Amino acid sequence: MDRGYAGGDGSQRERAMMGLMNSFPEEVDPNRGINYLDIHDNWALADRFSDEDWDGRKHVDEAGIRIAATLLFTSLGPLVIHGGTEMLRSKGAAPLMEIVKTTATGDLAYHGKRDTYNHRRANQFEWEYAGASPGERPMDYAAMNRYWQGLIALRNRDAGAIFRVGGQVSEEHYQWFAPENNQLLGYVAGDVFVLMNTSWDAATFDISELPAGTWMQISDGTVFVENGCECTQTIDAQGPASTETIEITVPSRSAPIWVRSQD
């Protein structure tokens, strides 16, 4: 039942920070690790974040998936994206339990949702809801797809180059804002600033030492500007030498993003 930091488990904050840095002990530099959320034969993310029988065809915690995706796309090193996750692809037909089916040629192991390679039906894509909006099913497939498009665009733009690095990086590659509430996490990497609230209540960050510059909001954690976000929050920061504290309220279950203007 573990949905990790993105699912609201604040005890996983430090591991989430290590994942962003790709800095687990066995990884001497970011390129030694590969970050991903779900992948071919394993759990589908929509099923992991479903609150109905672990079946993403029924219902999905879309906010949790957006937070997880934000963590992925603002992490260092190589990424792997499982095609279909961006449209809430489900393997809900796979059972939770592990079973062994005896056939004429021998036993065939089915490892349930955690390893679906032997499940023919579960591995079939169901395209009829791809791009659909709420009404046919409770999830907004189209909006989720647009959110992933926004994250891909962020990582590919000049500001996103801070994540596309190889070789060793210093511990200062990220500047962390880690409030006492471990369900909150903020960080700056180069010209990208993220505030993450994994709790079910709105929360206020008291930010000091934000690098100087004009920070333009590009996402409210649900929608990116290029896909219709009416983001209006601009932050004019004076830099670490200033004594100012900037208060920013972040809605529940969201991760808004700012990019520093180069003008």
C-alpha atoms as a PDB file:
ATOM      1  CA  MET A   1       0.000   0.000   0.000  1.00  0.00           C
ATOM      2  CA  ASP A   2       3.063   2.259  -0.074  1.00  0.00           C
ATOM      3  CA  ARG A   3       2.666   5.149  -2.501  1.00  0.00           C
ATOM      4  CA  GLY A   4       5.872   6.819  -1.405  1.00  0.00           C
ATOM      5  CA  TYR A   5       6.475  10.504  -0.838  1.00  0.00           C
ATOM      6  CA  ALA A   6       4.181  11.551  -3.659  1.00  0.00           C
ATOM      7  CA  GLY A   7       1.393   9.596  -1.971  1.00  0.00           C
ATOM      8  CA  GLY A   8       1.760  11.585   1.247  1.00  0.00           C
ATOM      9  CA  ASP A   9       4.282   9.481   3.205  1.00  0.00           C
ATOM     10  CA  GLY A  10       6.328  12.256   4.795  1.00  0.00           C
ATOM     11  CA  SER A  11       8.787   9.774   6.294  1.00  0.00           C
ATOM     12  CA  GLN A  12      10.093   9.269   2.745  1.00  0.00           C
ATOM     13  CA  ARG A  13      11.131  12.913   2.251  1.00  0.00           C
ATOM     14  CA  GLU A  14      14.852  12.289   2.650  1.00  0.00           C
ATOM     15  CA  ARG A  15      14.728   9.403   0.172  1.00  0.00           C
ATOM     16  CA  ALA A  16      12.814  11.612  -2.256  1.00  0.00           C
ATOM     17  CA  MET A  17      15.630  14.157  -1.968  1.00  0.00           C
ATOM     18  CA  MET A  18      18.180  11.422  -2.656  1.00  0.00           C
ATOM     19  CA  GLY A  19      16.127  10.340  -5.659  1.00  0.00           C
ATOM     20  CA  LEU A  20      16.104  13.893  -7.011  1.00  0.00           C
ATOM     21  CA  MET A  21      19.876  14.051  -6.677  1.00  0.00           C
ATOM     22  CA  ASN A  22      20.255  10.452  -7.909  1.00  0.00           C
ATOM     23  CA  SER A  23      22.673  10.152  -5.014  1.00  0.00           C
ATOM     24  CA  PHE A  24      22.092   6.779  -3.402  1.00  0.00           C
ATOM     25  CA  PRO A  25      25.335   5.269  -2.053  1.00  0.00           C
ATOM     26  CA  GLU A  26      25.797   2.878  -4.961  1.00  0.00           C
ATOM     27  CA  GLU A  27      25.581   5.740  -7.504  1.00  0.00           C
ATOM     28  CA  VAL A  28      28.864   7.616  -7.826  1.00  0.00           C
ATOM     29  CA  ASP A  29      27.288  10.078 -10.258  1.00  0.00           C
ATOM     30  CA  PRO A  30      23.751  10.721 -11.582  1.00  0.00           C
ATOM     31  CA  ASN A  31      24.304   8.740 -14.762  1.00  0.00           C
ATOM     32  CA  ARG A  32      24.804   5.526 -12.752  1.00  0.00           C
ATOM     33  CA  GLY A  33      21.135   5.482 -11.761  1.00  0.00           C
ATOM     34  CA  ILE A  34      17.984   5.564 -13.878  1.00  0.00           C
ATOM     35  CA  ASN A  35      14.887   7.233 -12.471  1.00  0.00           C
ATOM     36  CA  TYR A  36      11.447   5.945 -13.362  1.00  0.00           C
ATOM     37  CA  LEU A  37       7.976   5.636 -11.861  1.00  0.00           C
ATOM     38  CA  ASP A  38       6.705   2.540 -13.630  1.00  0.00           C
ATOM     39  CA  ILE A  39       8.159   0.392 -16.373  1.00  0.00           C
ATOM     40  CA  HIS A  40       7.057  -2.364 -18.810  1.00  0.00           C
ATOM     41  CA  ASP A  41       6.434  -5.468 -16.656  1.00  0.00           C
ATOM     42  CA  ASN A  42       5.947  -3.805 -13.267  1.00  0.00           C
ATOM     43  CA  TRP A  43       3.078  -1.965 -11.572  1.00  0.00           C
ATOM     44  CA  ALA A  44       1.293   0.618 -13.685  1.00  0.00           C
ATOM     45  CA  LEU A  45       1.375   3.958 -11.884  1.00  0.00           C
ATOM     46  CA  ALA A  46      -2.374   4.469 -12.336  1.00  0.00           C
ATOM     47  CA  ASP A  47      -3.014   1.207 -10.478  1.00  0.00           C
ATOM     48  CA  ARG A  48      -0.537   2.052  -7.722  1.00  0.00           C
ATOM     49  CA  PHE A  49      -2.403   5.345  -7.174  1.00  0.00           C
ATOM     50  CA  SER A  50      -5.881   3.871  -7.466  1.00  0.00           C
ATOM     51  CA  ASP A  51      -8.076   3.835  -4.366  1.00  0.00           C
ATOM     52  CA  GLU A  52     -10.497   1.275  -5.800  1.00  0.00           C
ATOM     53  CA  ASP A  53      -9.128  -2.283  -5.870  1.00  0.00           C
ATOM     54  CA  TRP A  54      -5.773  -1.010  -7.148  1.00  0.00           C
ATOM     55  CA  ASP A  55      -7.501  -0.693 -10.514  1.00  0.00           C
ATOM     56  CA  GLY A  56      -6.736   2.504 -12.402  1.00  0.00           C
ATOM     57  CA  ARG A  57      -9.678   1.924 -14.695  1.00  0.00           C
ATOM     58  CA  LYS A  58     -12.001   2.718 -11.803  1.00  0.00           C
ATOM     59  CA  HIS A  59     -10.393   5.716 -10.130  1.00  0.00           C
ATOM     60  CA  VAL A  60      -6.976   7.322  -9.735  1.00  0.00           C
ATOM     61  CA  ASP A  61      -5.439   9.831  -7.321  1.00  0.00           C
ATOM     62  CA  GLU A  62      -4.442  12.199 -10.115  1.00  0.00           C
ATOM     63  CA  ALA A  63      -2.795  14.679  -7.729  1.00  0.00           C
ATOM     64  CA  GLY A  64      -0.443  11.990  -6.454  1.00  0.00           C
ATOM     65  CA  ILE A  65       0.572  11.061  -9.987  1.00  0.00           C
ATOM     66  CA  ARG A  66       1.247  14.704 -10.872  1.00  0.00           C
ATOM     67  CA  ILE A  67       3.479  15.074  -7.807  1.00  0.00           C
ATOM     68  CA  ALA A  68       5.332  11.847  -8.661  1.00  0.00           C
ATOM     69  CA  ALA A  69       5.798  13.018 -12.250  1.00  0.00           C
ATOM     70  CA  THR A  70       7.104  16.389 -11.055  1.00  0.00           C
ATOM     71  CA  LEU A  71       9.679  14.616  -8.886  1.00  0.00           C
ATOM     72  CA  LEU A  72      10.728  12.486 -11.842  1.00  0.00           C
ATOM     73  CA  PHE A  73      11.160  15.335 -14.308  1.00  0.00           C
ATOM     74  CA  THR A  74      13.063  17.549 -11.869  1.00  0.00           C
ATOM     75  CA  SER A  75      15.552  14.809 -10.935  1.00  0.00           C
ATOM     76  CA  LEU A  76      19.104  14.405 -12.182  1.00  0.00           C
ATOM     77  CA  GLY A  77      20.316  11.867 -14.666  1.00  0.00           C
ATOM     78  CA  PRO A  78      18.568   9.632 -17.195  1.00  0.00           C
ATOM     79  CA  LEU A  79      14.805   9.095 -17.097  1.00  0.00           C
ATOM     80  CA  VAL A  80      12.716   6.228 -18.367  1.00  0.00           C
ATOM     81  CA  ILE A  81       9.070   6.916 -19.162  1.00  0.00           C
ATOM     82  CA  HIS A  82       6.614   4.049 -19.478  1.00  0.00           C
ATOM     83  CA  GLY A  83       4.538   4.803 -22.562  1.00  0.00           C
ATOM     84  CA  GLY A  84       0.921   5.214 -21.518  1.00  0.00           C
ATOM     85  CA  THR A  85       1.506   6.503 -17.988  1.00  0.00           C
ATOM     86  CA  GLU A  86       0.836  10.014 -19.290  1.00  0.00           C
ATOM     87  CA  MET A  87      -2.685   8.898 -20.233  1.00  0.00           C
ATOM     88  CA  LEU A  88      -3.259   6.915 -17.015  1.00  0.00           C
ATOM     89  CA  ARG A  89      -2.594   3.553 -18.628  1.00  0.00           C
ATOM     90  CA  SER A  90      -3.849   0.774 -16.340  1.00  0.00           C
ATOM     91  CA  LYS A  91      -3.084  -2.917 -15.913  1.00  0.00           C
ATOM     92  CA  GLY A  92      -6.107  -3.320 -13.687  1.00  0.00           C
ATOM     93  CA  ALA A  93      -6.961  -6.690 -15.201  1.00  0.00           C
ATOM     94  CA  ALA A  94      -3.930  -8.224 -13.457  1.00  0.00           C
ATOM     95  CA  PRO A  95      -4.763  -9.793 -10.086  1.00  0.00           C
ATOM     96  CA  LEU A  96      -3.204  -8.707  -6.816  1.00  0.00           C
ATOM     97  CA  MET A  97      -2.250 -12.236  -5.835  1.00  0.00           C
ATOM     98  CA  GLU A  98       0.401 -14.489  -7.293  1.00  0.00           C
ATOM     99  CA  ILE A  99      -0.805 -17.691  -8.901  1.00  0.00           C
ATOM    100  CA  VAL A 100       0.746 -20.637 -10.752  1.00  0.00           C
ATOM    101  CA  LYS A 101      -1.129 -22.092 -13.707  1.00  0.00           C
ATOM    102  CA  THR A 102      -0.304 -25.656 -14.710  1.00  0.00           C
ATOM    103  CA  THR A 103      -0.181 -26.195 -18.467  1.00  0.00           C
ATOM    104  CA  ALA A 104       0.719 -29.107 -20.721  1.00  0.00           C
ATOM    105  CA  THR A 105       4.214 -27.711 -21.097  1.00  0.00           C
ATOM    106  CA  GLY A 106       4.767 -26.919 -17.444  1.00  0.00           C
ATOM    107  CA  ASP A 107       3.929 -24.412 -14.769  1.00  0.00           C
ATOM    108  CA  LEU A 108       3.398 -20.755 -15.661  1.00  0.00           C
ATOM    109  CA  ALA A 109       3.876 -18.183 -12.889  1.00  0.00           C
ATOM    110  CA  TYR A 110       1.697 -15.090 -12.686  1.00  0.00           C
ATOM    111  CA  HIS A 111       3.169 -12.602 -10.249  1.00  0.00           C
ATOM    112  CA  GLY A 112       0.148 -10.311 -10.067  1.00  0.00           C
ATOM    113  CA  LYS A 113       0.323  -6.565 -10.494  1.00  0.00           C
ATOM    114  CA  ARG A 114       3.932  -6.334  -9.349  1.00  0.00           C
ATOM    115  CA  ASP A 115       5.178  -8.261 -12.396  1.00  0.00           C
ATOM    116  CA  THR A 116       2.717  -8.509 -15.250  1.00  0.00           C
ATOM    117  CA  TYR A 117       4.745 -10.012 -18.084  1.00  0.00           C
ATOM    118  CA  ASN A 118       2.621 -13.166 -18.308  1.00  0.00           C
ATOM    119  CA  HIS A 119      -0.716 -11.314 -18.256  1.00  0.00           C
ATOM    120  CA  ARG A 120      -1.973 -10.963 -21.800  1.00  0.00           C
ATOM    121  CA  ARG A 121      -5.154  -9.027 -21.030  1.00  0.00           C
ATOM    122  CA  ALA A 122      -3.510  -6.698 -18.524  1.00  0.00           C
ATOM    123  CA  ASN A 123      -0.866  -5.747 -21.077  1.00  0.00           C
ATOM    124  CA  GLN A 124      -3.384  -4.737 -23.708  1.00  0.00           C
ATOM    125  CA  PHE A 125      -3.737  -0.975 -24.041  1.00  0.00           C
ATOM    126  CA  GLU A 126      -7.286   0.313 -23.702  1.00  0.00           C
ATOM    127  CA  TRP A 127      -7.363   3.333 -25.977  1.00  0.00           C
ATOM    128  CA  GLU A 128     -11.037   4.261 -25.857  1.00  0.00           C
ATOM    129  CA  TYR A 129     -10.539   6.675 -22.964  1.00  0.00           C
ATOM    130  CA  ALA A 130      -7.223   8.170 -24.071  1.00  0.00           C
ATOM    131  CA  GLY A 131      -7.651  11.932 -24.199  1.00  0.00           C
ATOM    132  CA  ALA A 132     -11.074  11.805 -22.581  1.00  0.00           C
ATOM    133  CA  SER A 133     -12.290  14.384 -20.066  1.00  0.00           C
ATOM    134  CA  PRO A 134     -14.388  13.685 -16.954  1.00  0.00           C
ATOM    135  CA  GLY A 135     -17.874  12.392 -17.635  1.00  0.00           C
ATOM    136  CA  GLU A 136     -17.198   9.053 -19.237  1.00  0.00           C
ATOM    137  CA  ARG A 137     -14.992   8.108 -16.279  1.00  0.00           C
ATOM    138  CA  PRO A 138     -14.048  10.145 -13.206  1.00  0.00           C
ATOM    139  CA  MET A 139     -10.481  10.828 -14.360  1.00  0.00           C
ATOM    140  CA  ASP A 140      -9.385  13.696 -16.611  1.00  0.00           C
ATOM    141  CA  TYR A 141      -7.191  11.787 -19.044  1.00  0.00           C
ATOM    142  CA  ALA A 142      -6.721  14.791 -21.339  1.00  0.00           C
ATOM    143  CA  ALA A 143      -5.552  17.063 -18.521  1.00  0.00           C
ATOM    144  CA  MET A 144      -3.071  14.462 -17.274  1.00  0.00           C
ATOM    145  CA  ASN A 145      -1.641  14.110 -20.760  1.00  0.00           C
ATOM    146  CA  ARG A 146      -1.226  17.896 -21.000  1.00  0.00           C
ATOM    147  CA  TYR A 147       0.511  17.969 -17.605  1.00  0.00           C
ATOM    148  CA  TRP A 148       3.127  15.464 -18.777  1.00  0.00           C
ATOM    149  CA  GLN A 149       3.591  17.515 -21.946  1.00  0.00           C
ATOM    150  CA  GLY A 150       4.342  20.527 -19.735  1.00  0.00           C
ATOM    151  CA  LEU A 151       6.923  18.580 -17.707  1.00  0.00           C
ATOM    152  CA  ILE A 152       8.626  17.318 -20.860  1.00  0.00           C
ATOM    153  CA  ALA A 153       8.764  20.886 -22.192  1.00  0.00           C
ATOM    154  CA  LEU A 154      10.272  22.099 -18.898  1.00  0.00           C
ATOM    155  CA  ARG A 155      13.009  19.474 -18.958  1.00  0.00           C
ATOM    156  CA  ASN A 156      13.816  20.240 -22.607  1.00  0.00           C
ATOM    157  CA  ARG A 157      14.030  24.027 -22.235  1.00  0.00           C
ATOM    158  CA  ASP A 158      17.208  25.908 -21.326  1.00  0.00           C
ATOM    159  CA  ALA A 159      16.286  26.018 -17.619  1.00  0.00           C
ATOM    160  CA  GLY A 160      15.815  22.255 -17.660  1.00  0.00           C
ATOM    161  CA  ALA A 161      19.442  21.689 -18.623  1.00  0.00           C
ATOM    162  CA  ILE A 162      20.235  21.759 -14.891  1.00  0.00           C
ATOM    163  CA  PHE A 163      18.691  18.267 -14.685  1.00  0.00           C
ATOM    164  CA  ARG A 164      20.277  16.910 -17.861  1.00  0.00           C
ATOM    165  CA  VAL A 165      23.744  16.494 -16.424  1.00  0.00           C
ATOM    166  CA  GLY A 166      26.372  13.786 -16.394  1.00  0.00           C
ATOM    167  CA  GLY A 167      29.344  13.281 -14.168  1.00  0.00           C
ATOM    168  CA  GLN A 168      29.649  14.169 -10.530  1.00  0.00           C
ATOM    169  CA  VAL A 169      27.736  17.123  -9.120  1.00  0.00           C
ATOM    170  CA  SER A 170      28.157  18.989  -5.860  1.00  0.00           C
ATOM    171  CA  GLU A 171      25.745  18.788  -2.954  1.00  0.00           C
ATOM    172  CA  GLU A 172      24.855  22.404  -3.732  1.00  0.00           C
ATOM    173  CA  HIS A 173      23.301  21.409  -7.047  1.00  0.00           C
ATOM    174  CA  TYR A 174      19.957  21.649  -5.225  1.00  0.00           C
ATOM    175  CA  GLN A 175      19.076  24.221  -2.598  1.00  0.00           C
ATOM    176  CA  TRP A 176      16.548  22.666  -0.242  1.00  0.00           C
ATOM    177  CA  PHE A 177      13.666  24.149   1.714  1.00  0.00           C
ATOM    178  CA  ALA A 178      12.615  21.480   4.199  1.00  0.00           C
ATOM    179  CA  PRO A 179      10.029  22.729   6.724  1.00  0.00           C
ATOM    180  CA  GLU A 180       9.322  20.899   9.971  1.00  0.00           C
ATOM    181  CA  ASN A 181       6.260  19.356   8.326  1.00  0.00           C
ATOM    182  CA  ASN A 182       7.888  16.511   6.377  1.00  0.00           C
ATOM    183  CA  GLN A 183       5.051  16.435   3.853  1.00  0.00           C
ATOM    184  CA  LEU A 184       6.410  19.716   2.491  1.00  0.00           C
ATOM    185  CA  LEU A 185       9.513  20.057   0.329  1.00  0.00           C
ATOM    186  CA  GLY A 186      10.909  22.929  -1.684  1.00  0.00           C
ATOM    187  CA  TYR A 187      13.986  23.090  -3.866  1.00  0.00           C
ATOM    188  CA  VAL A 188      15.838  25.270  -6.326  1.00  0.00           C
ATOM    189  CA  ALA A 189      18.005  23.795  -9.066  1.00  0.00           C
ATOM    190  CA  GLY A 190      19.556  26.480 -11.243  1.00  0.00           C
ATOM    191  CA  ASP A 191      16.668  28.530 -12.595  1.00  0.00           C
ATOM    192  CA  VAL A 192      13.907  26.101 -11.534  1.00  0.00           C
ATOM    193  CA  PHE A 193      12.039  26.476  -8.234  1.00  0.00           C
ATOM    194  CA  VAL A 194       9.563  23.849  -6.975  1.00  0.00           C
ATOM    195  CA  LEU A 195       7.359  23.833  -3.876  1.00  0.00           C
ATOM    196  CA  MET A 196       5.752  20.500  -3.064  1.00  0.00           C
ATOM    197  CA  ASN A 197       2.850  19.904  -0.685  1.00  0.00           C
ATOM    198  CA  THR A 198       2.018  16.202  -0.423  1.00  0.00           C
ATOM    199  CA  SER A 199      -0.467  16.687   2.437  1.00  0.00           C
ATOM    200  CA  TRP A 200      -4.256  16.956   2.236  1.00  0.00           C
ATOM    201  CA  ASP A 201      -4.298  20.530   3.577  1.00  0.00           C
ATOM    202  CA  ALA A 202      -3.021  23.792   2.137  1.00  0.00           C
ATOM    203  CA  ALA A 203       0.326  24.814   3.641  1.00  0.00           C
ATOM    204  CA  THR A 204       2.454  27.958   3.771  1.00  0.00           C
ATOM    205  CA  PHE A 205       6.187  27.968   3.108  1.00  0.00           C
ATOM    206  CA  ASP A 206       8.364  30.657   4.688  1.00  0.00           C
ATOM    207  CA  ILE A 207      11.109  30.987   2.103  1.00  0.00           C
ATOM    208  CA  SER A 208      14.364  32.780   2.831  1.00  0.00           C
ATOM    209  CA  GLU A 209      17.541  32.906   0.754  1.00  0.00           C
ATOM    210  CA  LEU A 210      15.757  32.366  -2.556  1.00  0.00           C
ATOM    211  CA  PRO A 211      18.326  33.195  -5.249  1.00  0.00           C
ATOM    212  CA  ALA A 212      17.965  36.735  -6.560  1.00  0.00           C
ATOM    213  CA  GLY A 213      15.846  37.316  -9.618  1.00  0.00           C
ATOM    214  CA  THR A 214      12.332  37.394 -10.953  1.00  0.00           C
ATOM    215  CA  TRP A 215      10.692  34.004 -10.688  1.00  0.00           C
ATOM    216  CA  MET A 216       7.794  33.459 -13.105  1.00  0.00           C
ATOM    217  CA  GLN A 217       5.262  30.761 -12.270  1.00  0.00           C
ATOM    218  CA  ILE A 218       4.888  28.282 -15.117  1.00  0.00           C
ATOM    219  CA  SER A 219       2.600  25.777 -13.376  1.00  0.00           C
ATOM    220  CA  ASP A 220       0.202  25.780 -10.444  1.00  0.00           C
ATOM    221  CA  GLY A 221       0.836  22.064  -9.983  1.00  0.00           C
ATOM    222  CA  THR A 222      -2.202  21.115 -12.037  1.00  0.00           C
ATOM    223  CA  VAL A 223      -1.804  22.978 -15.329  1.00  0.00           C
ATOM    224  CA  PHE A 224       1.132  24.542 -17.167  1.00  0.00           C
ATOM    225  CA  VAL A 225       0.947  28.029 -18.655  1.00  0.00           C
ATOM    226  CA  GLU A 226       1.153  26.765 -22.220  1.00  0.00           C
ATOM    227  CA  ASN A 227      -1.848  24.528 -21.529  1.00  0.00           C
ATOM    228  CA  GLY A 228      -4.102  27.149 -19.973  1.00  0.00           C
ATOM    229  CA  CYS A 229      -2.802  27.869 -16.458  1.00  0.00           C
ATOM    230  CA  GLU A 230      -3.691  31.412 -15.427  1.00  0.00           C
ATOM    231  CA  CYS A 231      -0.622  31.526 -13.187  1.00  0.00           C
ATOM    232  CA  THR A 232      -0.105  35.007 -11.820  1.00  0.00           C
ATOM    233  CA  GLN A 233       2.343  34.524  -8.968  1.00  0.00           C
ATOM    234  CA  THR A 234       5.618  36.285  -9.730  1.00  0.00           C
ATOM    235  CA  ILE A 235       8.308  36.331  -7.054  1.00  0.00           C
ATOM    236  CA  ASP A 236      10.895  39.103  -6.954  1.00  0.00           C
ATOM    237  CA  ALA A 237      13.682  37.747  -4.762  1.00  0.00           C
ATOM    238  CA  GLN A 238      16.538  39.854  -3.424  1.00  0.00           C
ATOM    239  CA  GLY A 239      18.886  36.939  -2.875  1.00  0.00           C
ATOM    240  CA  PRO A 240      20.586  35.262   0.115  1.00  0.00           C
ATOM    241  CA  ALA A 241      21.973  38.572   1.443  1.00  0.00           C
ATOM    242  CA  SER A 242      18.442  39.814   2.047  1.00  0.00           C
ATOM    243  CA  THR A 243      16.669  39.306   5.348  1.00  0.00           C
ATOM    244  CA  GLU A 244      13.293  39.037   3.665  1.00  0.00           C
ATOM    245  CA  THR A 245      11.057  36.024   4.172  1.00  0.00           C
ATOM    246  CA  ILE A 246       8.665  35.185   1.373  1.00  0.00           C
ATOM    247  CA  GLU A 247       5.422  33.487   2.351  1.00  0.00           C
ATOM    248  CA  ILE A 248       3.957  31.228  -0.315  1.00  0.00           C
ATOM    249  CA  THR A 249       0.800  29.195   0.247  1.00  0.00           C
ATOM    250  CA  VAL A 250       0.675  25.954  -1.684  1.00  0.00           C
ATOM    251  CA  PRO A 251      -2.652  24.139  -2.173  1.00  0.00           C
ATOM    252  CA  SER A 252      -2.970  20.586  -0.942  1.00  0.00           C
ATOM    253  CA  ARG A 253      -1.544  17.774  -3.062  1.00  0.00           C
ATOM    254  CA  SER A 254       0.252  19.999  -5.542  1.00  0.00           C
ATOM    255  CA  ALA A 255       3.712  21.050  -6.693  1.00  0.00           C
ATOM    256  CA  PRO A 256       3.761  24.488  -8.340  1.00  0.00           C
ATOM    257  CA  ILE A 257       6.826  25.425 -10.387  1.00  0.00           C
ATOM    258  CA  TRP A 258       8.611  28.722 -11.114  1.00  0.00           C
ATOM    259  CA  VAL A 259      11.397  29.526 -13.578  1.00  0.00           C
ATOM    260  CA  ARG A 260      13.766  32.463 -13.115  1.00  0.00           C
ATOM    261  CA  SER A 261      13.533  35.083 -15.845  1.00  0.00           C
ATOM    262  CA  GLN A 262      16.708  35.751 -17.804  1.00  0.00           C
ATOM    263  CA  ASP A 263      15.650  39.286 -18.804  1.00  0.00           C
END
